């Protein structure tokens, strides 16, 4: 998978946000240049794969601890993803849509299970 910069994702999201608030009574000819821009964005980023850097903060209320983590996430449709945590510990969470693997290289450990049961609410 080729990594694409996160700012590209924000550009797409901002475009959708902008276009969702257009007045309903706008004339078709007024919308055409905006529709062309949206089509160009959709064409540019219509691939099945993308990747993004992430930083997350989790607060565990029961023991009043805040944890932070960062790394990179890769997505390939349909149903495939890989989360690579770089801090505070290296580990990976990988799924192909049916199987889930959690790899902890520092512990030389892999946990394998059903992705469907893991992601089910």
N, C-alpha and C. Protein backbone atom coordinates (compact mmCIF):
# COMPACT_ATOMS: atom_id res chain seq x y z
N UNK A 1 0.82 -1.18 0.00
CA UNK A 1 0.00 0.00 0.00
C UNK A 1 0.87 1.24 0.00
N UNK A 2 0.55 2.20 -0.84
CA UNK A 2 1.27 3.46 -0.84
C UNK A 2 0.63 4.42 0.15
N UNK A 3 1.40 4.98 1.07
CA UNK A 3 0.84 5.93 2.02
C UNK A 3 0.44 7.23 1.33
N UNK A 4 -0.71 7.74 1.69
CA UNK A 4 -1.14 9.05 1.21
C UNK A 4 -1.22 9.95 2.42
N UNK A 5 -0.85 11.17 2.25
CA UNK A 5 -0.78 12.10 3.36
C UNK A 5 -2.16 12.33 3.96
N UNK A 6 -2.20 12.46 5.28
CA UNK A 6 -3.44 12.67 5.99
C UNK A 6 -4.13 13.95 5.57
N UNK A 7 -3.35 14.94 5.12
CA UNK A 7 -3.98 16.19 4.70
C UNK A 7 -4.88 15.97 3.50
N UNK A 8 -4.59 14.96 2.68
CA UNK A 8 -5.46 14.66 1.56
C UNK A 8 -6.81 14.17 2.04
N UNK A 9 -6.83 13.39 3.12
CA UNK A 9 -8.09 12.92 3.68
C UNK A 9 -8.89 14.10 4.21
N UNK A 10 -8.20 15.03 4.88
CA UNK A 10 -8.89 16.21 5.39
C UNK A 10 -9.43 17.07 4.25
N UNK A 11 -8.73 17.12 3.13
CA UNK A 11 -9.20 17.87 1.96
C UNK A 11 -10.50 17.28 1.45
N UNK A 12 -10.56 15.96 1.38
CA UNK A 12 -11.78 15.29 0.93
C UNK A 12 -12.92 15.57 1.91
N UNK A 13 -12.64 15.40 3.20
CA UNK A 13 -13.67 15.62 4.21
C UNK A 13 -14.16 17.07 4.18
N UNK A 14 -13.23 18.01 4.04
CA UNK A 14 -13.62 19.42 3.99
C UNK A 14 -14.48 19.69 2.76
N UNK A 15 -14.15 19.07 1.65
CA UNK A 15 -14.94 19.26 0.43
C UNK A 15 -16.35 18.75 0.61
N UNK A 16 -16.50 17.55 1.20
CA UNK A 16 -17.84 17.01 1.42
C UNK A 16 -18.61 17.90 2.39
N UNK A 17 -17.94 18.38 3.43
CA UNK A 17 -18.57 19.27 4.39
C UNK A 17 -19.06 20.54 3.69
N UNK A 18 -18.21 21.14 2.87
CA UNK A 18 -18.56 22.37 2.15
C UNK A 18 -19.76 22.15 1.24
N UNK A 19 -19.72 21.05 0.46
CA UNK A 19 -20.78 20.82 -0.50
C UNK A 19 -22.10 20.42 0.16
N UNK A 20 -22.07 19.91 1.37
CA UNK A 20 -23.30 19.51 2.03
C UNK A 20 -24.13 20.70 2.49
N UNK A 21 -23.54 21.90 2.55
CA UNK A 21 -24.27 23.07 3.00
C UNK A 21 -24.64 24.02 1.87
N UNK A 22 -24.58 23.56 0.64
CA UNK A 22 -25.00 24.39 -0.48
C UNK A 22 -26.51 24.59 -0.41
N UNK A 23 -27.01 25.77 -0.80
CA UNK A 23 -28.45 25.99 -0.78
C UNK A 23 -29.16 25.04 -1.73
N UNK A 24 -30.33 24.57 -1.33
CA UNK A 24 -31.08 23.62 -2.14
C UNK A 24 -31.61 24.25 -3.42
N UNK A 25 -31.81 25.56 -3.44
CA UNK A 25 -32.37 26.21 -4.61
C UNK A 25 -31.31 26.75 -5.57
N UNK A 26 -30.06 26.39 -5.38
CA UNK A 26 -29.00 26.85 -6.27
C UNK A 26 -29.23 26.30 -7.68
N UNK A 27 -28.95 27.11 -8.66
CA UNK A 27 -29.15 26.70 -10.05
C UNK A 27 -28.06 25.72 -10.46
N UNK A 28 -28.42 24.84 -11.41
CA UNK A 28 -27.49 23.80 -11.86
C UNK A 28 -26.21 24.40 -12.43
N UNK A 29 -26.33 25.50 -13.18
CA UNK A 29 -25.13 26.09 -13.77
C UNK A 29 -24.20 26.70 -12.71
N UNK A 30 -24.76 27.13 -11.58
CA UNK A 30 -23.93 27.65 -10.50
C UNK A 30 -23.18 26.52 -9.80
N UNK A 31 -23.77 25.33 -9.78
CA UNK A 31 -23.15 24.19 -9.12
C UNK A 31 -22.12 23.49 -9.99
N UNK A 32 -22.15 23.70 -11.28
CA UNK A 32 -21.29 22.94 -12.19
C UNK A 32 -19.80 23.07 -11.86
N UNK A 33 -19.25 24.27 -11.65
CA UNK A 33 -17.82 24.33 -11.31
C UNK A 33 -17.51 23.57 -10.00
N UNK A 34 -18.39 23.66 -9.03
CA UNK A 34 -18.18 22.95 -7.76
C UNK A 34 -18.29 21.45 -7.97
N UNK A 35 -19.22 21.02 -8.80
CA UNK A 35 -19.36 19.59 -9.09
C UNK A 35 -18.12 19.07 -9.81
N UNK A 36 -17.54 19.88 -10.70
CA UNK A 36 -16.31 19.47 -11.39
C UNK A 36 -15.17 19.27 -10.39
N UNK A 37 -15.07 20.16 -9.43
CA UNK A 37 -14.02 20.05 -8.41
C UNK A 37 -14.23 18.77 -7.60
N UNK A 38 -15.46 18.53 -7.19
CA UNK A 38 -15.76 17.34 -6.42
C UNK A 38 -15.46 16.07 -7.23
N UNK A 39 -15.81 16.06 -8.49
CA UNK A 39 -15.51 14.91 -9.36
C UNK A 39 -14.01 14.68 -9.47
N UNK A 40 -13.24 15.75 -9.58
CA UNK A 40 -11.79 15.61 -9.66
C UNK A 40 -11.22 15.03 -8.37
N UNK A 41 -11.75 15.47 -7.23
CA UNK A 41 -11.29 14.94 -5.95
C UNK A 41 -11.65 13.46 -5.83
N UNK A 42 -12.88 13.11 -6.19
CA UNK A 42 -13.31 11.72 -6.12
C UNK A 42 -12.47 10.83 -7.04
N UNK A 43 -12.15 11.33 -8.23
CA UNK A 43 -11.33 10.57 -9.17
C UNK A 43 -9.92 10.36 -8.61
N UNK A 44 -9.35 11.41 -8.04
CA UNK A 44 -8.00 11.34 -7.49
C UNK A 44 -7.88 10.31 -6.38
N UNK A 45 -8.91 10.23 -5.52
CA UNK A 45 -8.83 9.39 -4.32
C UNK A 45 -9.82 8.24 -4.34
N UNK A 46 -10.13 7.71 -5.50
CA UNK A 46 -11.12 6.64 -5.60
C UNK A 46 -10.51 5.25 -5.43
N UNK A 47 -9.24 5.16 -5.15
CA UNK A 47 -8.59 3.87 -4.97
C UNK A 47 -9.10 3.13 -3.76
N UNK A 48 -8.71 1.90 -3.65
CA UNK A 48 -9.18 1.06 -2.55
C UNK A 48 -8.29 1.13 -1.32
N UNK A 49 -7.11 1.72 -1.42
CA UNK A 49 -6.16 1.71 -0.32
C UNK A 49 -5.86 3.13 0.16
N UNK A 50 -5.64 3.25 1.46
CA UNK A 50 -5.11 4.50 1.98
C UNK A 50 -4.45 4.22 3.32
N UNK A 51 -3.67 5.17 3.75
CA UNK A 51 -2.93 5.02 4.99
C UNK A 51 -2.88 6.38 5.68
N UNK A 52 -2.77 6.36 7.00
CA UNK A 52 -2.72 7.62 7.75
C UNK A 52 -1.94 7.43 9.04
N UNK A 53 -1.24 8.46 9.44
CA UNK A 53 -0.60 8.47 10.76
C UNK A 53 -1.69 8.77 11.78
N UNK A 54 -1.55 8.24 12.99
CA UNK A 54 -2.55 8.52 14.02
C UNK A 54 -1.88 8.77 15.36
N UNK A 55 -2.60 9.48 16.20
CA UNK A 55 -2.23 9.71 17.59
C UNK A 55 -3.52 9.61 18.38
N UNK A 56 -3.56 8.74 19.36
CA UNK A 56 -4.79 8.57 20.13
C UNK A 56 -4.53 8.74 21.61
N UNK A 57 -5.54 9.23 22.30
CA UNK A 57 -5.50 9.37 23.74
C UNK A 57 -6.71 8.64 24.31
N UNK A 58 -6.46 7.77 25.27
CA UNK A 58 -7.53 6.99 25.91
C UNK A 58 -7.52 7.28 27.40
N UNK A 59 -8.69 7.48 27.95
CA UNK A 59 -8.80 7.70 29.39
C UNK A 59 -9.57 6.54 29.99
N UNK A 60 -8.94 5.84 30.92
CA UNK A 60 -9.58 4.72 31.62
C UNK A 60 -10.16 5.25 32.93
N UNK A 61 -11.47 5.48 32.94
CA UNK A 61 -12.11 6.10 34.10
C UNK A 61 -12.00 5.27 35.37
N UNK A 62 -12.10 3.95 35.23
CA UNK A 62 -12.11 3.09 36.40
C UNK A 62 -10.86 3.24 37.25
N UNK A 63 -9.71 3.47 36.61
CA UNK A 63 -8.47 3.62 37.38
C UNK A 63 -7.83 4.99 37.17
N UNK A 64 -8.57 5.88 36.52
CA UNK A 64 -8.15 7.27 36.31
C UNK A 64 -6.75 7.38 35.71
N UNK A 65 -6.57 6.70 34.56
CA UNK A 65 -5.29 6.74 33.84
C UNK A 65 -5.55 7.20 32.41
N UNK A 66 -4.70 8.07 31.92
CA UNK A 66 -4.75 8.49 30.53
C UNK A 66 -3.54 7.93 29.81
N UNK A 67 -3.80 7.25 28.70
CA UNK A 67 -2.73 6.66 27.91
C UNK A 67 -2.73 7.28 26.52
N UNK A 68 -1.55 7.41 25.93
CA UNK A 68 -1.44 7.90 24.56
C UNK A 68 -0.70 6.86 23.73
N UNK A 69 -1.02 6.85 22.46
CA UNK A 69 -0.37 5.93 21.53
C UNK A 69 -0.32 6.61 20.16
N UNK A 70 0.62 6.19 19.33
CA UNK A 70 0.70 6.72 17.98
C UNK A 70 1.28 5.67 17.05
N UNK A 71 1.05 5.88 15.78
CA UNK A 71 1.55 4.95 14.79
C UNK A 71 0.97 5.24 13.43
N UNK A 72 0.73 4.19 12.67
CA UNK A 72 0.23 4.33 11.31
C UNK A 72 -0.84 3.27 11.08
N UNK A 73 -1.90 3.65 10.35
CA UNK A 73 -2.98 2.72 10.04
C UNK A 73 -3.09 2.59 8.52
N UNK A 74 -3.31 1.36 8.06
CA UNK A 74 -3.43 1.06 6.63
C UNK A 74 -4.79 0.41 6.40
N UNK A 75 -5.48 0.82 5.35
CA UNK A 75 -6.78 0.27 5.04
C UNK A 75 -6.82 -0.15 3.57
N UNK A 76 -7.34 -1.32 3.32
CA UNK A 76 -7.50 -1.83 1.97
C UNK A 76 -8.87 -2.50 1.90
N UNK A 77 -9.71 -2.00 1.04
CA UNK A 77 -11.07 -2.50 0.96
C UNK A 77 -11.14 -3.66 0.00
N UNK A 78 -11.98 -4.62 0.26
CA UNK A 78 -12.93 -4.65 1.38
C UNK A 78 -12.36 -5.36 2.61
N UNK A 79 -12.55 -4.75 3.76
CA UNK A 79 -12.35 -5.40 5.04
C UNK A 79 -10.95 -5.61 5.57
N UNK A 80 -9.93 -5.10 4.91
CA UNK A 80 -8.58 -5.33 5.40
C UNK A 80 -8.04 -4.07 6.06
N UNK A 81 -7.35 -4.28 7.19
CA UNK A 81 -6.71 -3.13 7.83
C UNK A 81 -5.56 -3.62 8.69
N UNK A 82 -4.62 -2.71 8.91
CA UNK A 82 -3.46 -2.97 9.76
C UNK A 82 -3.15 -1.70 10.54
N UNK A 83 -3.10 -1.83 11.85
CA UNK A 83 -2.72 -0.74 12.74
C UNK A 83 -1.35 -1.06 13.29
N UNK A 84 -0.38 -0.19 13.01
CA UNK A 84 0.97 -0.36 13.54
C UNK A 84 1.19 0.69 14.63
N UNK A 85 1.27 0.23 15.85
CA UNK A 85 1.55 1.13 16.97
C UNK A 85 3.05 1.26 17.12
N UNK A 86 3.54 2.49 17.16
CA UNK A 86 4.96 2.74 17.34
C UNK A 86 5.28 3.10 18.79
N UNK A 87 4.36 3.81 19.45
CA UNK A 87 4.52 4.18 20.86
C UNK A 87 3.21 3.92 21.57
N UNK A 88 3.18 3.60 22.81
CA UNK A 88 4.31 3.45 23.72
C UNK A 88 5.05 2.13 23.52
N UNK A 89 4.37 1.12 22.96
CA UNK A 89 5.00 -0.17 22.65
C UNK A 89 4.70 -0.51 21.20
N UNK A 90 5.62 -1.21 20.56
CA UNK A 90 5.37 -1.65 19.20
C UNK A 90 4.42 -2.85 19.23
N UNK A 91 3.35 -2.74 18.44
CA UNK A 91 2.48 -3.88 18.21
C UNK A 91 1.66 -3.62 16.97
N UNK A 92 1.06 -4.66 16.44
CA UNK A 92 0.26 -4.55 15.23
C UNK A 92 -1.06 -5.26 15.44
N UNK A 93 -2.11 -4.67 14.90
CA UNK A 93 -3.42 -5.30 14.85
C UNK A 93 -3.76 -5.41 13.37
N UNK A 94 -3.99 -6.63 12.92
CA UNK A 94 -4.16 -6.90 11.49
C UNK A 94 -5.43 -7.72 11.29
N UNK A 95 -6.21 -7.40 10.26
CA UNK A 95 -7.36 -8.22 9.90
C UNK A 95 -7.52 -8.28 8.39
N UNK A 96 -8.01 -9.41 7.94
CA UNK A 96 -8.36 -9.57 6.53
C UNK A 96 -9.88 -9.57 6.36
N UNK A 97 -10.59 -9.22 7.42
CA UNK A 97 -12.04 -9.18 7.40
C UNK A 97 -12.67 -10.39 8.07
N UNK A 98 -11.93 -11.50 8.16
CA UNK A 98 -12.48 -12.67 8.85
C UNK A 98 -11.60 -13.10 10.03
N UNK A 99 -10.29 -12.96 9.90
CA UNK A 99 -9.37 -13.32 10.99
C UNK A 99 -8.70 -12.06 11.51
N UNK A 100 -8.47 -12.03 12.82
CA UNK A 100 -7.80 -10.90 13.46
C UNK A 100 -6.53 -11.42 14.13
N UNK A 101 -5.42 -10.71 13.89
CA UNK A 101 -4.15 -11.04 14.52
C UNK A 101 -3.69 -9.83 15.34
N UNK A 102 -3.20 -10.07 16.52
CA UNK A 102 -2.58 -9.02 17.33
C UNK A 102 -1.15 -9.51 17.59
N UNK A 103 -0.20 -8.75 17.07
CA UNK A 103 1.21 -9.14 17.15
C UNK A 103 1.95 -8.19 18.08
N UNK A 104 2.62 -8.77 19.07
CA UNK A 104 3.41 -8.01 20.04
C UNK A 104 4.86 -8.47 19.92
N UNK A 105 5.66 -7.77 19.09
CA UNK A 105 7.03 -8.23 18.83
C UNK A 105 7.92 -8.25 20.07
N UNK A 106 7.73 -7.32 21.00
CA UNK A 106 8.57 -7.30 22.20
C UNK A 106 8.35 -8.55 23.07
N UNK A 107 7.14 -9.12 22.99
CA UNK A 107 6.81 -10.32 23.76
C UNK A 107 6.91 -11.59 22.90
N UNK A 108 7.25 -11.41 21.62
CA UNK A 108 7.31 -12.53 20.67
C UNK A 108 5.99 -13.32 20.71
N UNK A 109 4.86 -12.58 20.63
CA UNK A 109 3.55 -13.18 20.81
C UNK A 109 2.59 -12.75 19.71
N UNK A 110 1.79 -13.72 19.25
CA UNK A 110 0.71 -13.45 18.30
C UNK A 110 -0.56 -14.04 18.87
N UNK A 111 -1.64 -13.24 18.88
CA UNK A 111 -2.95 -13.72 19.28
C UNK A 111 -3.81 -13.72 18.03
N UNK A 112 -4.48 -14.83 17.78
CA UNK A 112 -5.30 -14.97 16.58
C UNK A 112 -6.74 -15.26 17.00
N UNK A 113 -7.69 -14.60 16.31
CA UNK A 113 -9.09 -14.82 16.64
C UNK A 113 -9.99 -14.42 15.48
N UNK A 114 -11.27 -14.49 15.74
CA UNK A 114 -12.27 -14.14 14.74
C UNK A 114 -12.48 -12.63 14.71
N UNK A 115 -12.29 -12.03 13.56
CA UNK A 115 -12.52 -10.58 13.42
C UNK A 115 -14.00 -10.27 13.61
N UNK A 116 -14.86 -11.13 13.12
CA UNK A 116 -16.31 -10.88 13.22
C UNK A 116 -16.76 -10.79 14.67
N UNK A 117 -16.28 -11.69 15.52
CA UNK A 117 -16.69 -11.64 16.93
C UNK A 117 -16.01 -10.47 17.66
N UNK A 118 -14.81 -10.11 17.24
CA UNK A 118 -14.10 -8.99 17.88
C UNK A 118 -14.79 -7.66 17.59
N UNK A 119 -15.22 -7.44 16.33
CA UNK A 119 -15.81 -6.16 15.95
C UNK A 119 -17.32 -6.12 16.14
N UNK A 120 -17.94 -7.21 16.53
CA UNK A 120 -19.39 -7.25 16.75
C UNK A 120 -19.72 -6.46 18.00
N UNK A 121 -20.81 -5.74 17.97
CA UNK A 121 -21.24 -4.96 19.14
C UNK A 121 -22.14 -5.76 20.02
